[in-house]
């Protein structure tokens, strides 16, 4: 539990090859099914306050109550994903919370001196990634508004994992 951001709900890994990463999580770790989109539709994406046209593929799966997200950036647009890979190997890039009080959480983090490194909006609602120290190679914090759409999709992904029999490990149709 973060006193600033709330309960950590997701582990976000930035990878070079999302298809290989999904196979690893399925075949080696037994985690799935994965819900995959080749290009996450993102509006109003800003990297350090400047517009950026990031093209990212994402995949999401659950292991019980913990959600795992895989992200592969497919272009060279400025982003914290690209920065992460430029500073070292692929791996855990962010942890995420999903506050109902999104705006208040953003303001609390800003008041603590944390800076927004990137932000935008997906069909599930707004999100922001915070830089707490640009010189630190470690994991950053993402917050994503816990909208009705996000809750429905993420609850359905968690339910799919609970009932998963190992079949159909990579799905391109997302829960509604």
C-alpha atoms as a PDB file:
ATOM      1  CA  UNK A   1       0.000   0.000   0.000  1.00  0.00           C
ATOM      2  CA  UNK A   2       1.321   3.405  -0.953  1.00  0.00           C
ATOM      3  CA  UNK A   3       0.301   6.274   1.320  1.00  0.00           C
ATOM      4  CA  UNK A   4       0.454   8.599  -1.688  1.00  0.00           C
ATOM      5  CA  UNK A   5      -0.972   6.475  -4.501  1.00  0.00           C
ATOM      6  CA  UNK A   6      -3.037   3.725  -2.839  1.00  0.00           C
ATOM      7  CA  UNK A   7      -3.064  -0.041  -3.317  1.00  0.00           C
ATOM      8  CA  UNK A   8      -0.708  -1.422  -5.945  1.00  0.00           C
ATOM      9  CA  UNK A   9      -2.794  -3.490  -8.365  1.00  0.00           C
ATOM     10  CA  UNK A  10      -0.601  -4.024 -11.431  1.00  0.00           C
ATOM     11  CA  UNK A  11       2.986  -4.845 -12.410  1.00  0.00           C
ATOM     12  CA  UNK A  12       3.946  -3.303 -15.773  1.00  0.00           C
ATOM     13  CA  UNK A  13       6.805  -4.799 -17.800  1.00  0.00           C
ATOM     14  CA  UNK A  14       8.312  -3.084 -20.838  1.00  0.00           C
ATOM     15  CA  UNK A  15       9.608  -5.662 -23.304  1.00  0.00           C
ATOM     16  CA  UNK A  16      11.305  -5.808 -26.706  1.00  0.00           C
ATOM     17  CA  UNK A  17       9.087  -8.616 -28.059  1.00  0.00           C
ATOM     18  CA  UNK A  18       5.592  -8.806 -26.597  1.00  0.00           C
ATOM     19  CA  UNK A  19       4.709 -12.055 -28.389  1.00  0.00           C
ATOM     20  CA  UNK A  20       7.770 -13.796 -26.913  1.00  0.00           C
ATOM     21  CA  UNK A  21       7.018 -12.310 -23.490  1.00  0.00           C
ATOM     22  CA  UNK A  22       3.432 -13.613 -23.565  1.00  0.00           C
ATOM     23  CA  UNK A  23       4.695 -17.074 -24.572  1.00  0.00           C
ATOM     24  CA  UNK A  24       7.151 -17.015 -21.659  1.00  0.00           C
ATOM     25  CA  UNK A  25       4.453 -16.071 -19.160  1.00  0.00           C
ATOM     26  CA  UNK A  26       2.137 -18.794 -20.533  1.00  0.00           C
ATOM     27  CA  UNK A  27       4.599 -21.645 -21.143  1.00  0.00           C
ATOM     28  CA  UNK A  28       7.109 -21.091 -18.332  1.00  0.00           C
ATOM     29  CA  UNK A  29       5.082 -19.341 -15.630  1.00  0.00           C
ATOM     30  CA  UNK A  30       1.599 -20.687 -16.430  1.00  0.00           C
ATOM     31  CA  UNK A  31      -0.020 -17.232 -16.345  1.00  0.00           C
ATOM     32  CA  UNK A  32      -2.891 -16.398 -18.672  1.00  0.00           C
ATOM     33  CA  UNK A  33      -4.987 -15.890 -20.602  1.00  0.00           C
ATOM     34  CA  UNK A  34      -3.551 -12.725 -22.107  1.00  0.00           C
ATOM     35  CA  UNK A  35      -5.746 -10.018 -23.580  1.00  0.00           C
ATOM     36  CA  UNK A  36      -3.690  -8.385 -26.324  1.00  0.00           C
ATOM     37  CA  UNK A  37      -4.050  -5.311 -28.515  1.00  0.00           C
ATOM     38  CA  UNK A  38      -1.475  -4.498 -31.193  1.00  0.00           C
ATOM     39  CA  UNK A  39      -2.023  -0.737 -30.857  1.00  0.00           C
ATOM     40  CA  UNK A  40      -3.542   0.722 -27.735  1.00  0.00           C
ATOM     41  CA  UNK A  41      -5.707   3.662 -28.774  1.00  0.00           C
ATOM     42  CA  UNK A  42      -4.423   6.592 -26.729  1.00  0.00           C
ATOM     43  CA  UNK A  43      -5.599  10.198 -26.892  1.00  0.00           C
ATOM     44  CA  UNK A  44      -3.884  13.310 -25.577  1.00  0.00           C
ATOM     45  CA  UNK A  45      -0.604  11.508 -24.889  1.00  0.00           C
ATOM     46  CA  UNK A  46       2.015  13.811 -23.412  1.00  0.00           C
ATOM     47  CA  UNK A  47       5.617  12.973 -22.632  1.00  0.00           C
ATOM     48  CA  UNK A  48       7.085  15.471 -20.156  1.00  0.00           C
ATOM     49  CA  UNK A  49       4.348  17.909 -21.130  1.00  0.00           C
ATOM     50  CA  UNK A  50       4.852  17.647 -24.913  1.00  0.00           C
ATOM     51  CA  UNK A  51       2.583  15.776 -27.364  1.00  0.00           C
ATOM     52  CA  UNK A  52       3.955  12.413 -28.498  1.00  0.00           C
ATOM     53  CA  UNK A  53       2.446   9.862 -30.873  1.00  0.00           C
ATOM     54  CA  UNK A  54       3.444   6.715 -29.029  1.00  0.00           C
ATOM     55  CA  UNK A  55       2.441   3.395 -30.636  1.00  0.00           C
ATOM     56  CA  UNK A  56       2.368   0.712 -27.961  1.00  0.00           C
ATOM     57  CA  UNK A  57       1.142  -2.876 -27.992  1.00  0.00           C
ATOM     58  CA  UNK A  58      -0.144  -4.113 -24.651  1.00  0.00           C
ATOM     59  CA  UNK A  59      -1.199  -7.408 -23.148  1.00  0.00           C
ATOM     60  CA  UNK A  60      -2.856  -7.929 -19.773  1.00  0.00           C
ATOM     61  CA  UNK A  61      -3.360 -11.064 -17.672  1.00  0.00           C
ATOM     62  CA  UNK A  62      -3.946 -11.812 -14.016  1.00  0.00           C
ATOM     63  CA  UNK A  63      -2.443 -14.126 -11.468  1.00  0.00           C
ATOM     64  CA  UNK A  64      -5.261 -14.087  -8.928  1.00  0.00           C
ATOM     65  CA  UNK A  65      -5.568 -10.474  -7.717  1.00  0.00           C
ATOM     66  CA  UNK A  66      -2.330  -9.248  -9.301  1.00  0.00           C
ATOM     67  CA  UNK A  67      -2.538  -7.912 -12.832  1.00  0.00           C
ATOM     68  CA  UNK A  68       0.467  -8.144 -15.145  1.00  0.00           C
ATOM     69  CA  UNK A  69       0.807  -5.803 -18.123  1.00  0.00           C
ATOM     70  CA  UNK A  70       3.287  -6.250 -20.966  1.00  0.00           C
ATOM     71  CA  UNK A  71       4.121  -3.224 -23.128  1.00  0.00           C
ATOM     72  CA  UNK A  72       6.098  -3.056 -26.354  1.00  0.00           C
ATOM     73  CA  UNK A  73       6.605   0.339 -27.936  1.00  0.00           C
ATOM     74  CA  UNK A  74       6.561  -0.068 -31.714  1.00  0.00           C
ATOM     75  CA  UNK A  75       7.861   3.351 -32.778  1.00  0.00           C
ATOM     76  CA  UNK A  76      10.529   5.824 -31.694  1.00  0.00           C
ATOM     77  CA  UNK A  77       8.184   8.480 -30.270  1.00  0.00           C
ATOM     78  CA  UNK A  78       9.369   9.946 -26.972  1.00  0.00           C
ATOM     79  CA  UNK A  79       8.015   8.015 -23.969  1.00  0.00           C
ATOM     80  CA  UNK A  80       9.012   6.628 -20.609  1.00  0.00           C
ATOM     81  CA  UNK A  81       8.865   3.137 -22.182  1.00  0.00           C
ATOM     82  CA  UNK A  82      11.560   4.084 -24.664  1.00  0.00           C
ATOM     83  CA  UNK A  83      13.602   5.752 -21.915  1.00  0.00           C
ATOM     84  CA  UNK A  84      13.373   2.617 -19.780  1.00  0.00           C
ATOM     85  CA  UNK A  85      14.749   0.354 -22.508  1.00  0.00           C
ATOM     86  CA  UNK A  86      17.470   2.875 -23.383  1.00  0.00           C
ATOM     87  CA  UNK A  87      18.746   2.685 -19.798  1.00  0.00           C
ATOM     88  CA  UNK A  88      19.008  -1.086 -19.586  1.00  0.00           C
ATOM     89  CA  UNK A  89      17.283  -4.401 -20.192  1.00  0.00           C
ATOM     90  CA  UNK A  90      13.565  -5.011 -20.415  1.00  0.00           C
ATOM     91  CA  UNK A  91      11.731  -5.620 -17.168  1.00  0.00           C
ATOM     92  CA  UNK A  92       9.480  -4.115 -14.521  1.00  0.00           C
ATOM     93  CA  UNK A  93       8.987  -0.492 -15.543  1.00  0.00           C
ATOM     94  CA  UNK A  94       6.007   0.541 -13.400  1.00  0.00           C
ATOM     95  CA  UNK A  95       3.588  -0.449 -10.702  1.00  0.00           C
ATOM     96  CA  UNK A  96       0.055   0.856 -10.963  1.00  0.00           C
ATOM     97  CA  UNK A  97      -2.774   1.897  -8.700  1.00  0.00           C
ATOM     98  CA  UNK A  98      -6.355   2.504  -9.782  1.00  0.00           C
ATOM     99  CA  UNK A  99      -7.799   5.211  -7.558  1.00  0.00           C
ATOM    100  CA  UNK A 100     -11.446   6.181  -7.689  1.00  0.00           C
ATOM    101  CA  UNK A 101     -10.308   9.687  -6.677  1.00  0.00           C
ATOM    102  CA  UNK A 102      -7.927  10.051  -9.644  1.00  0.00           C
ATOM    103  CA  UNK A 103      -7.649  13.861  -9.641  1.00  0.00           C
ATOM    104  CA  UNK A 104      -7.063  14.001  -5.869  1.00  0.00           C
ATOM    105  CA  UNK A 105      -4.371  11.307  -6.175  1.00  0.00           C
ATOM    106  CA  UNK A 106      -2.625  13.247  -8.950  1.00  0.00           C
ATOM    107  CA  UNK A 107      -2.673  16.382  -6.802  1.00  0.00           C
ATOM    108  CA  UNK A 108      -1.340  14.482  -3.753  1.00  0.00           C
ATOM    109  CA  UNK A 109       1.587  13.117  -5.792  1.00  0.00           C
ATOM    110  CA  UNK A 110       2.371  16.527  -7.282  1.00  0.00           C
ATOM    111  CA  UNK A 111       2.289  18.068  -3.792  1.00  0.00           C
ATOM    112  CA  UNK A 112       4.928  15.496  -2.738  1.00  0.00           C
ATOM    113  CA  UNK A 113       7.209  16.702  -5.542  1.00  0.00           C
ATOM    114  CA  UNK A 114       6.557  13.825  -7.945  1.00  0.00           C
ATOM    115  CA  UNK A 115       6.523  14.829 -11.608  1.00  0.00           C
ATOM    116  CA  UNK A 116       4.272  13.520 -14.363  1.00  0.00           C
ATOM    117  CA  UNK A 117       6.551  11.897 -16.936  1.00  0.00           C
ATOM    118  CA  UNK A 118       3.798  10.858 -19.322  1.00  0.00           C
ATOM    119  CA  UNK A 119       0.035  10.837 -19.377  1.00  0.00           C
ATOM    120  CA  UNK A 120      -2.880  10.209 -21.669  1.00  0.00           C
ATOM    121  CA  UNK A 121      -6.297   8.648 -22.034  1.00  0.00           C
ATOM    122  CA  UNK A 122      -7.279   5.194 -23.213  1.00  0.00           C
ATOM    123  CA  UNK A 123     -10.824   3.941 -23.732  1.00  0.00           C
ATOM    124  CA  UNK A 124     -10.725   2.980 -20.034  1.00  0.00           C
ATOM    125  CA  UNK A 125      -9.966   6.524 -18.842  1.00  0.00           C
ATOM    126  CA  UNK A 126      -7.028   8.764 -17.936  1.00  0.00           C
ATOM    127  CA  UNK A 127      -3.634   7.573 -16.717  1.00  0.00           C
ATOM    128  CA  UNK A 128      -0.408   9.204 -15.581  1.00  0.00           C
ATOM    129  CA  UNK A 129       3.103   7.910 -14.943  1.00  0.00           C
ATOM    130  CA  UNK A 130       5.093   9.713 -12.263  1.00  0.00           C
ATOM    131  CA  UNK A 131       8.819  10.311 -12.114  1.00  0.00           C
ATOM    132  CA  UNK A 132       9.999  10.507  -8.549  1.00  0.00           C
ATOM    133  CA  UNK A 133      13.687  10.879  -9.484  1.00  0.00           C
ATOM    134  CA  UNK A 134      14.822  11.065 -13.094  1.00  0.00           C
ATOM    135  CA  UNK A 135      18.238   9.752 -12.098  1.00  0.00           C
ATOM    136  CA  UNK A 136      16.820   6.542 -10.619  1.00  0.00           C
ATOM    137  CA  UNK A 137      16.794   3.499 -12.877  1.00  0.00           C
ATOM    138  CA  UNK A 138      14.015   1.841 -10.885  1.00  0.00           C
ATOM    139  CA  UNK A 139      10.335   1.426 -11.286  1.00  0.00           C
ATOM    140  CA  UNK A 140       7.998   4.387 -11.622  1.00  0.00           C
ATOM    141  CA  UNK A 141       4.402   4.735 -10.457  1.00  0.00           C
ATOM    142  CA  UNK A 142       1.386   4.780 -12.753  1.00  0.00           C
ATOM    143  CA  UNK A 143      -2.079   5.767 -11.689  1.00  0.00           C
ATOM    144  CA  UNK A 144      -5.093   4.943 -13.819  1.00  0.00           C
ATOM    145  CA  UNK A 145      -8.557   6.262 -13.010  1.00  0.00           C
ATOM    146  CA  UNK A 146     -10.801   3.455 -11.787  1.00  0.00           C
ATOM    147  CA  UNK A 147     -13.619   4.161 -14.210  1.00  0.00           C
ATOM    148  CA  UNK A 148     -16.624   1.887 -14.752  1.00  0.00           C
ATOM    149  CA  UNK A 149     -15.099   0.682 -18.040  1.00  0.00           C
ATOM    150  CA  UNK A 150     -11.752  -0.125 -16.405  1.00  0.00           C
ATOM    151  CA  UNK A 151     -13.475  -1.938 -13.522  1.00  0.00           C
ATOM    152  CA  UNK A 152     -15.625  -4.065 -15.878  1.00  0.00           C
ATOM    153  CA  UNK A 153     -12.702  -4.994 -18.135  1.00  0.00           C
ATOM    154  CA  UNK A 154     -10.255  -5.698 -15.330  1.00  0.00           C
ATOM    155  CA  UNK A 155     -12.818  -7.722 -13.342  1.00  0.00           C
ATOM    156  CA  UNK A 156     -13.508  -9.806 -16.476  1.00  0.00           C
ATOM    157  CA  UNK A 157      -9.769 -10.358 -17.085  1.00  0.00           C
ATOM    158  CA  UNK A 158      -9.316 -11.484 -13.470  1.00  0.00           C
ATOM    159  CA  UNK A 159     -12.319 -13.852 -13.787  1.00  0.00           C
ATOM    160  CA  UNK A 160     -10.904 -15.294 -17.021  1.00  0.00           C
ATOM    161  CA  UNK A 161      -7.636 -16.051 -15.205  1.00  0.00           C
ATOM    162  CA  UNK A 162      -9.423 -17.741 -12.293  1.00  0.00           C
ATOM    163  CA  UNK A 163     -11.289 -20.057 -14.672  1.00  0.00           C
ATOM    164  CA  UNK A 164      -8.528 -20.524 -17.239  1.00  0.00           C
ATOM    165  CA  UNK A 165      -7.785 -24.096 -18.339  1.00  0.00           C
ATOM    166  CA  UNK A 166      -4.687 -23.267 -20.402  1.00  0.00           C
ATOM    167  CA  UNK A 167      -6.576 -23.060 -23.699  1.00  0.00           C
ATOM    168  CA  UNK A 168      -6.757 -19.969 -25.889  1.00  0.00           C
ATOM    169  CA  UNK A 169      -3.816 -18.292 -24.086  1.00  0.00           C
ATOM    170  CA  UNK A 170      -3.695 -15.118 -26.222  1.00  0.00           C
ATOM    171  CA  UNK A 171      -6.947 -13.317 -26.956  1.00  0.00           C
ATOM    172  CA  UNK A 172      -7.422 -10.286 -29.148  1.00  0.00           C
ATOM    173  CA  UNK A 173     -11.082  -9.757 -28.194  1.00  0.00           C
ATOM    174  CA  UNK A 174     -11.189  -7.785 -24.957  1.00  0.00           C
ATOM    175  CA  UNK A 175     -13.990  -8.074 -22.429  1.00  0.00           C
ATOM    176  CA  UNK A 176     -16.627  -5.387 -22.909  1.00  0.00           C
END
